[in-house]
Amino acid sequence: MSVSESEPAPDPEIKTIEELYDYLYKGLQLEHATLPPYLTALYSLRPGTNSDARHVIRVVAVEEMLHLTLVANVLNAVGGKPDLTKQGFVPNYPTRLPCGPDYFDVHLRPFSREALDTFLKIEKPPEPATGEDRFVPMDWAALGLTSDGAAPPPEKLAELEESGSIFGLVPGDPTKRFSSIGEFYEEIIRGINHLEDQARQAGKTIFTGDPTRQVTPEYFYSGGGDVIEVTGRDTAVAALTLVAEQGEGLHGGIYDSQDELAHYYRFQQLEKGRYYQKGDEPNEPTGPVLHVDWDAAYPVKPDIKLTDLSRDPEVRAAAEEFNQLYATFLTNVNLAYNGQPDLLLKAVWEMFRVRDSMNRLIRNPLTGHPGKNAGPTFEI
C-alpha cells in the first residue's frame, strides 16, 4: 500500500476508539497469518539447495515479525491490548485473503511454483483506485459459505472472523470487504487521523497508552527495517506506512522508505530468476541471475492436520510437540507486547527450536499418503 497523497480522503469507517482497536487486532492477525505459509515453504527446502530462495523467504518472514511488532506498538500507543493468544488468532489453513475483486486461498505448502504464486498475491501492490473503490461487495456464495450470496448468520460470521478463516472484511459490515491489504491499512491510518483530530478539538489525544509497553529498537533486530516507537500520530502513521511499504513498495516503486526491496519484488526475483538492482523498474530486474531448483523441496502434504497423522503415532507426537512450541513462542511474543519487551529476545531463541521441530517433521514420509511428507499443522 502507498497512502494516497493527492486525493481527498473519503469518510472514515473507523469512528470510535473501540473500532480502531478491532481493526488493529485484525492487523495483528493478518500479519501473523503470512508467517506459517512462509515458514513451511522455507523449511521444506532440502539442505544445501536453493540458497537464493532460502535467503529471500527468510528475509520476508523476519520482516513480517517486524510488521507484527509495529502494529502492536500502534495498538499499545492508543490504549489497546495486543492478544496473540486469543482463540482463533492462528488461522485454520487454508485461509482467505483479498486480492482485487477476488479472494484467494492461502495454503500451507512446500516450496513450489504454486507457493510462490500465493506469496506474490499476498504481497501484490493494489491497483490505483479512488476512495470509493476501496471496498468491493462481499460475495458469500462465491466462497461457498451461503447459497444466496447473503451474509451468514451473526453466529457463523463471528466464528469465521474469530478463526481467521477469512480476512479483509469491513468490521461491522459483512456486505463488503477491502479490495486489498493495502486499502485495509489505509483505512486504519484514516481512522487514526479522524479520531486524533476529534480528540484534539476537545483538548485531548487518543495516544493514551503506557509508553513502557512499547517495543523499542534495543529489543528487536531484524536487519530489514527498524522498530518505530509509537508516541503519537506521526509515529503511528510512519509505523503503519512502513508495514505497507515493505510489502508492496513506496508510491509505485520497488523499494520502501528505508531503501529495502519490497516483499512483492523480493518474491518476484524468484519468479523471474534474476535479482533487482538499483535503478530497475518494477517487473524488470536486471541484476545477477538467481537460481531456483523447484524440485529440491520435501513434498509436504498441503494443509496437513493432526488427523492425517493417525497412522504415524511418533510423527503425530512430534507434530503435537511443534504446536506446543509454537504456542509458547506466541505466548512470549504476546508478553513482550504487554510490558515485558525483553521477552522478545527470548522468543528469537525459541524460533530456533521451532525451526528444528519443523525440520524433523518435514523429513518424514507419511503412511497412507504416497509421495507426501509430514509437516507442521499450526493447530494452536
Protein backbone atom coordinates (compact mmCIF):
# COMPACT_ATOMS: atom_id res chain seq x y z
CA MET A 1 0.00 0.00 0.00
CA SER A 2 1.03 3.58 -0.62
CA VAL A 3 -1.08 6.08 1.20
CA SER A 4 -2.67 8.45 -1.27
CA GLU A 5 -1.21 11.96 -1.15
CA SER A 6 -3.33 13.80 -3.71
CA GLU A 7 -6.88 12.54 -3.48
CA PRO A 8 -9.22 13.98 -0.79
CA ALA A 9 -9.68 11.44 1.98
CA PRO A 10 -13.08 9.72 2.00
CA ASP A 11 -15.10 9.48 5.18
CA PRO A 12 -13.51 7.02 7.61
CA GLU A 13 -15.09 3.72 8.55
CA ILE A 14 -13.42 3.94 11.98
CA LYS A 15 -15.39 6.34 14.15
CA THR A 16 -14.71 5.09 17.69
CA ILE A 17 -11.62 4.02 19.60
CA GLU A 18 -13.16 0.56 20.03
CA GLU A 19 -13.45 0.22 16.25
CA LEU A 20 -9.79 1.23 15.95
CA TYR A 21 -8.87 -1.50 18.44
CA ASP A 22 -10.82 -4.01 16.32
CA TYR A 23 -9.04 -3.01 13.13
CA LEU A 24 -5.61 -3.15 14.76
CA TYR A 25 -6.29 -6.60 16.24
CA LYS A 26 -7.23 -7.78 12.76
CA GLY A 27 -3.98 -6.24 11.55
CA LEU A 28 -2.09 -8.40 14.05
CA GLN A 29 -3.98 -11.46 12.79
CA LEU A 30 -3.26 -10.54 9.19
CA GLU A 31 0.48 -10.00 9.69
CA HIS A 32 0.83 -13.27 11.57
CA ALA A 33 -1.28 -15.23 9.06
CA THR A 34 1.52 -14.97 6.49
CA LEU A 35 4.16 -16.48 8.78
CA PRO A 36 3.11 -20.17 8.78
CA PRO A 37 2.95 -20.36 4.93
CA TYR A 38 6.33 -18.63 4.61
CA LEU A 39 7.94 -20.84 7.28
CA THR A 40 6.51 -24.03 5.80
CA ALA A 41 7.96 -23.20 2.39
CA LEU A 42 11.28 -22.09 3.88
CA TYR A 43 11.92 -25.24 5.92
CA SER A 44 10.71 -27.57 3.20
CA LEU A 45 13.82 -26.67 1.18
CA ARG A 46 16.28 -29.55 1.12
CA PRO A 47 19.61 -28.83 2.87
CA GLY A 48 22.34 -27.49 0.63
CA THR A 49 19.95 -26.31 -2.10
CA ASN A 50 18.20 -23.12 -3.14
CA SER A 51 20.34 -20.69 -1.17
CA ASP A 52 18.82 -17.74 -3.07
CA ALA A 53 15.23 -18.79 -2.37
CA ARG A 54 16.10 -19.59 1.24
CA HIS A 55 17.50 -16.09 1.74
CA VAL A 56 14.54 -14.35 0.10
CA ILE A 57 11.89 -16.20 2.12
CA ARG A 58 13.79 -15.87 5.37
CA VAL A 59 14.18 -12.10 5.00
CA VAL A 60 10.48 -11.68 4.29
CA ALA A 61 9.49 -13.87 7.27
CA VAL A 62 11.71 -11.85 9.61
CA GLU A 63 10.20 -8.62 8.33
CA GLU A 64 6.70 -9.98 8.96
CA MET A 65 7.73 -10.24 12.62
CA LEU A 66 8.75 -6.58 12.41
CA HIS A 67 5.30 -5.75 11.00
CA LEU A 68 3.61 -7.65 13.81
CA THR A 69 5.64 -5.62 16.31
CA LEU A 70 4.85 -2.31 14.63
CA VAL A 71 1.11 -2.99 14.66
CA ALA A 72 1.35 -4.00 18.32
CA ASN A 73 3.17 -0.74 19.11
CA VAL A 74 0.37 1.25 17.47
CA LEU A 75 -2.30 -0.69 19.37
CA ASN A 76 -0.48 -0.13 22.67
CA ALA A 77 0.01 3.55 21.94
CA VAL A 78 -3.74 4.16 21.59
CA GLY A 79 -4.54 2.29 24.81
CA GLY A 80 -5.37 -1.11 23.35
CA LYS A 81 -4.02 -4.50 24.38
CA PRO A 82 -2.46 -6.94 21.91
CA ASP A 83 -3.57 -10.56 22.35
CA LEU A 84 -1.78 -13.17 20.24
CA THR A 85 -3.11 -15.98 22.44
CA LYS A 86 -6.80 -15.39 21.79
CA GLN A 87 -8.68 -18.42 20.48
CA GLY A 88 -8.62 -18.32 16.67
CA PHE A 89 -5.68 -15.91 16.38
CA VAL A 90 -3.80 -18.53 14.34
CA PRO A 91 -5.88 -19.31 11.21
CA ASN A 92 -7.21 -22.71 10.28
CA TYR A 93 -5.46 -23.18 6.95
CA PRO A 94 -6.32 -22.72 4.18
CA THR A 95 -7.38 -19.17 4.96
CA ARG A 96 -8.51 -16.48 2.53
CA LEU A 97 -7.04 -13.07 1.71
CA PRO A 98 -8.34 -10.33 -0.59
CA CYS A 99 -6.67 -9.56 -3.91
CA GLY A 100 -8.59 -7.08 -6.07
CA PRO A 101 -12.10 -8.28 -6.86
CA ASP A 102 -11.38 -11.86 -5.82
CA TYR A 103 -10.33 -13.83 -2.76
CA PHE A 104 -7.60 -16.43 -2.96
CA ASP A 105 -6.77 -19.35 -0.71
CA VAL A 106 -3.57 -19.28 1.34
CA HIS A 107 -2.31 -22.81 1.91
CA LEU A 108 0.48 -24.37 3.93
CA ARG A 109 2.58 -25.76 1.05
CA PRO A 110 6.15 -26.82 0.40
CA PHE A 111 8.31 -24.52 -1.68
CA SER A 112 6.93 -24.67 -5.21
CA ARG A 113 5.68 -22.51 -8.06
CA GLU A 114 2.21 -22.71 -6.52
CA ALA A 115 3.50 -21.47 -3.16
CA LEU A 116 5.37 -18.62 -4.85
CA ASP A 117 2.23 -17.62 -6.75
CA THR A 118 0.40 -17.36 -3.41
CA PHE A 119 3.20 -15.25 -1.91
CA LEU A 120 3.06 -12.85 -4.85
CA LYS A 121 -0.70 -12.49 -4.39
CA ILE A 122 -0.28 -11.81 -0.67
CA GLU A 123 2.20 -9.00 -1.29
CA LYS A 124 0.81 -7.66 -4.58
CA PRO A 125 0.61 -3.84 -4.79
CA PRO A 126 -3.00 -2.63 -5.12
CA GLU A 127 -4.26 -1.25 -8.39
CA PRO A 128 -4.73 2.56 -8.41
CA ALA A 129 -8.20 3.27 -7.06
CA THR A 130 -10.39 6.09 -5.84
CA GLY A 131 -11.61 6.29 -2.26
CA GLU A 132 -14.94 4.80 -3.29
CA ASP A 133 -13.19 1.83 -4.91
CA ARG A 134 -11.50 0.75 -1.70
CA PHE A 135 -14.42 -1.59 -0.99
CA VAL A 136 -15.92 -4.38 -3.08
CA PRO A 137 -19.17 -6.26 -2.43
CA MET A 138 -18.79 -9.41 -0.39
CA ASP A 139 -19.96 -12.46 -2.38
CA TRP A 140 -20.51 -15.16 0.23
CA ALA A 141 -21.91 -17.60 -2.35
CA ALA A 142 -18.68 -17.48 -4.37
CA LEU A 143 -16.85 -18.66 -1.25
CA GLY A 144 -19.33 -21.50 -0.78
CA LEU A 145 -20.41 -20.18 2.60
CA THR A 146 -24.02 -19.31 1.73
CA SER A 147 -26.25 -20.37 -1.15
CA ASP A 148 -27.85 -17.00 -1.93
CA GLY A 149 -24.88 -14.66 -1.54
CA ALA A 150 -26.22 -13.09 1.64
CA ALA A 151 -24.04 -12.84 4.73
CA PRO A 152 -24.02 -15.85 7.08
CA PRO A 153 -25.98 -15.65 10.34
CA PRO A 154 -24.29 -13.50 13.01
CA GLU A 155 -23.06 -16.54 14.95
CA LYS A 156 -21.40 -18.08 11.87
CA LEU A 157 -19.98 -14.70 10.84
CA ALA A 158 -18.41 -14.23 14.27
CA GLU A 159 -16.93 -17.74 14.06
CA LEU A 160 -15.39 -17.03 10.64
CA GLU A 161 -13.90 -13.73 11.75
CA GLU A 162 -12.54 -15.04 15.04
CA SER A 163 -10.99 -18.11 13.41
CA GLY A 164 -9.08 -16.13 10.82
CA SER A 165 -10.69 -18.16 8.05
CA ILE A 166 -11.23 -15.02 6.01
CA PHE A 167 -9.54 -11.63 6.12
CA GLY A 168 -10.32 -8.19 4.76
CA LEU A 169 -13.94 -7.85 5.87
CA VAL A 170 -15.05 -4.37 6.85
CA PRO A 171 -15.66 -4.77 10.60
CA GLY A 172 -19.34 -4.42 11.38
CA ASP A 173 -20.44 -4.66 7.73
CA PRO A 174 -20.48 -8.20 6.29
CA THR A 175 -21.74 -6.95 2.89
CA LYS A 176 -18.38 -5.51 1.83
CA ARG A 177 -14.66 -6.03 2.16
CA PHE A 178 -11.45 -4.20 1.36
CA SER A 179 -10.13 -4.58 -2.17
CA SER A 180 -6.60 -5.18 -0.88
CA ILE A 181 -4.49 -5.43 2.24
CA GLY A 182 -3.11 -2.00 1.38
CA GLU A 183 -6.59 -0.49 1.49
CA PHE A 184 -7.12 -2.10 4.90
CA TYR A 185 -4.09 -0.26 6.29
CA GLU A 186 -5.06 2.98 4.62
CA GLU A 187 -8.38 2.76 6.44
CA ILE A 188 -6.61 2.39 9.78
CA ILE A 189 -4.48 5.45 9.07
CA ARG A 190 -7.59 7.34 8.02
CA GLY A 191 -9.29 6.33 11.27
CA ILE A 192 -6.32 7.38 13.40
CA ASN A 193 -6.31 10.82 11.77
CA HIS A 194 -10.06 11.21 12.24
CA LEU A 195 -10.08 10.19 15.90
CA GLU A 196 -6.99 12.24 16.77
CA ASP A 197 -8.47 15.32 15.08
CA GLN A 198 -11.63 14.90 17.15
CA ALA A 199 -9.65 14.38 20.35
CA ARG A 200 -7.50 17.47 19.77
CA GLN A 201 -10.57 19.62 19.26
CA ALA A 202 -11.53 18.63 22.81
CA GLY A 203 -8.01 19.25 24.09
CA LYS A 204 -7.23 15.54 24.32
CA THR A 205 -5.41 12.78 22.40
CA ILE A 206 -6.09 9.15 21.54
CA PHE A 207 -2.46 8.29 22.32
CA THR A 208 -3.02 7.46 25.98
CA GLY A 209 -1.15 4.15 26.16
CA ASP A 210 1.61 3.33 28.62
CA PRO A 211 4.97 4.17 26.96
CA THR A 212 6.66 1.29 28.79
CA ARG A 213 4.60 -1.16 26.67
CA GLN A 214 6.40 -0.06 23.52
CA VAL A 215 8.90 -2.44 21.92
CA THR A 216 11.91 -0.26 21.21
CA PRO A 217 14.86 -0.95 18.87
CA GLU A 218 17.11 -2.49 21.53
CA TYR A 219 14.64 -5.36 21.86
CA PHE A 220 14.26 -6.11 18.17
CA TYR A 221 16.84 -6.52 15.45
CA SER A 222 15.81 -7.81 12.06
CA GLY A 223 18.36 -6.36 9.67
CA GLY A 224 15.45 -5.33 7.45
CA GLY A 225 13.89 -2.18 8.85
CA ASP A 226 13.70 -0.52 12.23
CA VAL A 227 11.18 -0.79 15.02
CA ILE A 228 9.35 2.51 15.44
CA GLU A 229 8.42 3.57 18.96
CA VAL A 230 4.90 4.96 18.64
CA THR A 231 4.33 8.08 20.71
CA GLY A 232 1.73 9.97 18.68
CA ARG A 233 0.04 10.47 15.34
CA ASP A 234 3.19 10.94 13.25
CA THR A 235 4.95 7.82 14.52
CA ALA A 236 1.76 5.74 14.29
CA VAL A 237 1.30 6.70 10.64
CA ALA A 238 5.02 6.09 9.99
CA ALA A 239 4.81 2.60 11.53
CA LEU A 240 1.74 1.52 9.55
CA THR A 241 3.08 3.07 6.34
CA LEU A 242 6.32 1.10 6.75
CA VAL A 243 4.29 -2.11 7.16
CA ALA A 244 2.55 -1.45 3.86
CA GLU A 245 5.63 -0.18 2.02
CA GLN A 246 7.72 -3.21 2.93
CA GLY A 247 5.11 -5.43 1.36
CA GLU A 248 4.25 -3.51 -1.76
CA GLY A 249 6.79 -0.75 -2.35
CA LEU A 250 6.68 3.03 -2.00
CA HIS A 251 4.48 5.07 -4.37
CA GLY A 252 4.69 2.53 -7.17
CA GLY A 253 8.42 1.86 -6.76
CA ILE A 254 10.20 -1.34 -5.79
CA TYR A 255 11.78 -0.03 -2.56
CA ASP A 256 10.33 1.17 0.74
CA SER A 257 11.22 4.41 2.54
CA GLN A 258 14.12 2.66 4.32
CA ASP A 259 15.58 1.65 0.94
CA GLU A 260 14.72 -2.04 1.38
CA LEU A 261 13.34 -4.04 -1.54
CA ALA A 262 9.61 -4.61 -1.00
CA HIS A 263 8.39 -8.14 -0.39
CA TYR A 264 6.48 -8.41 -3.65
CA TYR A 265 9.63 -7.67 -5.64
CA ARG A 266 11.79 -9.93 -3.45
CA PHE A 267 9.47 -12.81 -4.35
CA GLN A 268 9.27 -11.71 -7.98
CA GLN A 269 13.04 -12.26 -8.23
CA LEU A 270 12.39 -16.00 -7.72
CA GLU A 271 9.73 -15.96 -10.43
CA LYS A 272 11.92 -14.12 -12.94
CA GLY A 273 15.21 -15.78 -12.00
CA ARG A 274 17.07 -12.51 -11.62
CA TYR A 275 17.85 -10.05 -8.82
CA TYR A 276 16.71 -6.45 -8.78
CA GLN A 277 19.36 -3.77 -8.53
CA LYS A 278 19.33 0.00 -8.05
CA GLY A 279 17.68 1.84 -10.94
CA ASP A 280 15.47 -1.08 -12.01
CA GLU A 281 11.82 -0.52 -12.81
CA PRO A 282 9.00 -2.71 -11.42
CA ASN A 283 8.74 -6.11 -13.15
CA GLU A 284 12.09 -5.62 -14.94
CA PRO A 285 15.01 -6.85 -12.78
CA THR A 286 18.41 -6.54 -14.44
CA GLY A 287 20.71 -7.80 -11.68
CA PRO A 288 22.60 -11.11 -11.37
CA VAL A 289 20.94 -14.38 -12.31
CA LEU A 290 19.14 -16.10 -9.45
CA HIS A 291 18.99 -19.90 -9.46
CA VAL A 292 15.90 -21.82 -8.33
CA ASP A 293 15.58 -25.60 -8.19
CA TRP A 294 11.84 -26.18 -7.97
CA ASP A 295 12.28 -29.89 -7.29
CA ALA A 296 14.62 -29.50 -4.31
CA ALA A 297 11.96 -29.42 -1.60
CA TYR A 298 10.42 -32.07 0.62
CA PRO A 299 6.88 -32.90 -0.60
CA VAL A 300 4.97 -31.68 2.47
CA LYS A 301 1.28 -32.55 2.36
CA PRO A 302 -0.58 -29.24 1.84
CA ASP A 303 -2.69 -28.02 4.78
CA ILE A 304 -1.80 -31.08 6.80
CA LYS A 305 -3.79 -31.74 10.00
CA LEU A 306 -3.15 -33.92 13.03
CA THR A 307 -5.86 -36.27 11.79
CA ASP A 308 -3.68 -37.01 8.74
CA LEU A 309 -1.07 -38.50 11.10
CA SER A 310 -3.22 -41.16 12.75
CA ARG A 311 -1.16 -43.98 11.20
CA ASP A 312 2.15 -42.43 12.27
CA PRO A 313 1.93 -42.07 16.08
CA GLU A 314 5.53 -40.91 16.51
CA VAL A 315 5.15 -38.28 13.82
CA ARG A 316 1.86 -37.17 15.33
CA ALA A 317 3.55 -36.77 18.70
CA ALA A 318 6.22 -34.64 17.02
CA ALA A 319 3.52 -32.51 15.36
CA GLU A 320 1.79 -32.01 18.71
CA GLU A 321 5.13 -31.00 20.22
CA PHE A 322 5.63 -28.50 17.42
CA ASN A 323 2.22 -26.94 18.10
CA GLN A 324 3.12 -26.60 21.78
CA LEU A 325 6.44 -24.96 20.90
CA TYR A 326 4.75 -22.54 18.55
CA ALA A 327 2.11 -21.70 21.17
CA THR A 328 4.90 -20.97 23.67
CA PHE A 329 6.60 -18.76 21.10
CA LEU A 330 3.39 -16.76 20.58
CA THR A 331 2.83 -16.54 24.35
CA ASN A 332 6.26 -14.98 24.87
CA VAL A 333 5.80 -12.58 21.96
CA ASN A 334 2.45 -11.63 23.48
CA LEU A 335 4.07 -10.97 26.87
CA ALA A 336 6.69 -8.86 25.12
CA TYR A 337 3.91 -6.77 23.60
CA ASN A 338 2.27 -6.40 27.00
CA GLY A 339 5.01 -4.77 29.05
CA GLN A 340 7.87 -7.29 29.00
CA PRO A 341 9.74 -6.36 25.81
CA ASP A 342 12.89 -8.24 26.85
CA LEU A 343 10.96 -11.48 26.21
CA LEU A 344 11.11 -10.70 22.51
CA LEU A 345 14.80 -11.58 22.65
CA LYS A 346 13.88 -14.91 24.26
CA ALA A 347 11.30 -15.53 21.54
CA VAL A 348 14.04 -15.26 18.91
CA TRP A 349 15.84 -18.21 20.51
CA GLU A 350 12.58 -20.13 20.70
CA MET A 351 12.25 -19.74 16.95
CA PHE A 352 15.36 -21.90 16.59
CA ARG A 353 13.54 -24.67 18.49
CA VAL A 354 10.52 -24.15 16.25
CA ARG A 355 12.80 -24.42 13.20
CA ASP A 356 14.40 -27.65 14.43
CA SER A 357 10.98 -29.14 15.19
CA MET A 358 9.74 -28.25 11.70
CA ASN A 359 12.80 -29.80 10.11
CA ARG A 360 12.23 -33.07 11.98
CA LEU A 361 8.60 -33.22 10.86
CA ILE A 362 9.12 -32.29 7.23
CA ARG A 363 11.62 -35.09 6.55
CA ASN A 364 9.14 -37.87 7.47
CA PRO A 365 7.18 -39.65 4.69
CA LEU A 366 3.52 -40.20 5.58
CA THR A 367 1.87 -43.60 5.86
CA GLY A 368 -1.22 -43.78 3.67
CA HIS A 369 -0.28 -40.66 1.69
CA PRO A 370 2.09 -41.85 -1.07
CA GLY A 371 4.65 -39.28 -2.12
CA LYS A 372 3.78 -36.89 0.72
CA ASN A 373 5.70 -35.90 3.84
CA ALA A 374 4.61 -34.67 7.22
CA GLY A 375 4.75 -31.03 8.20
CA PRO A 376 3.65 -28.51 10.83
CA THR A 377 -0.12 -28.23 11.28
CA PHE A 378 -0.21 -24.93 13.23
CA GLU A 379 -3.30 -26.17 15.09
CA ILE A 380 -2.91 -23.93 18.12
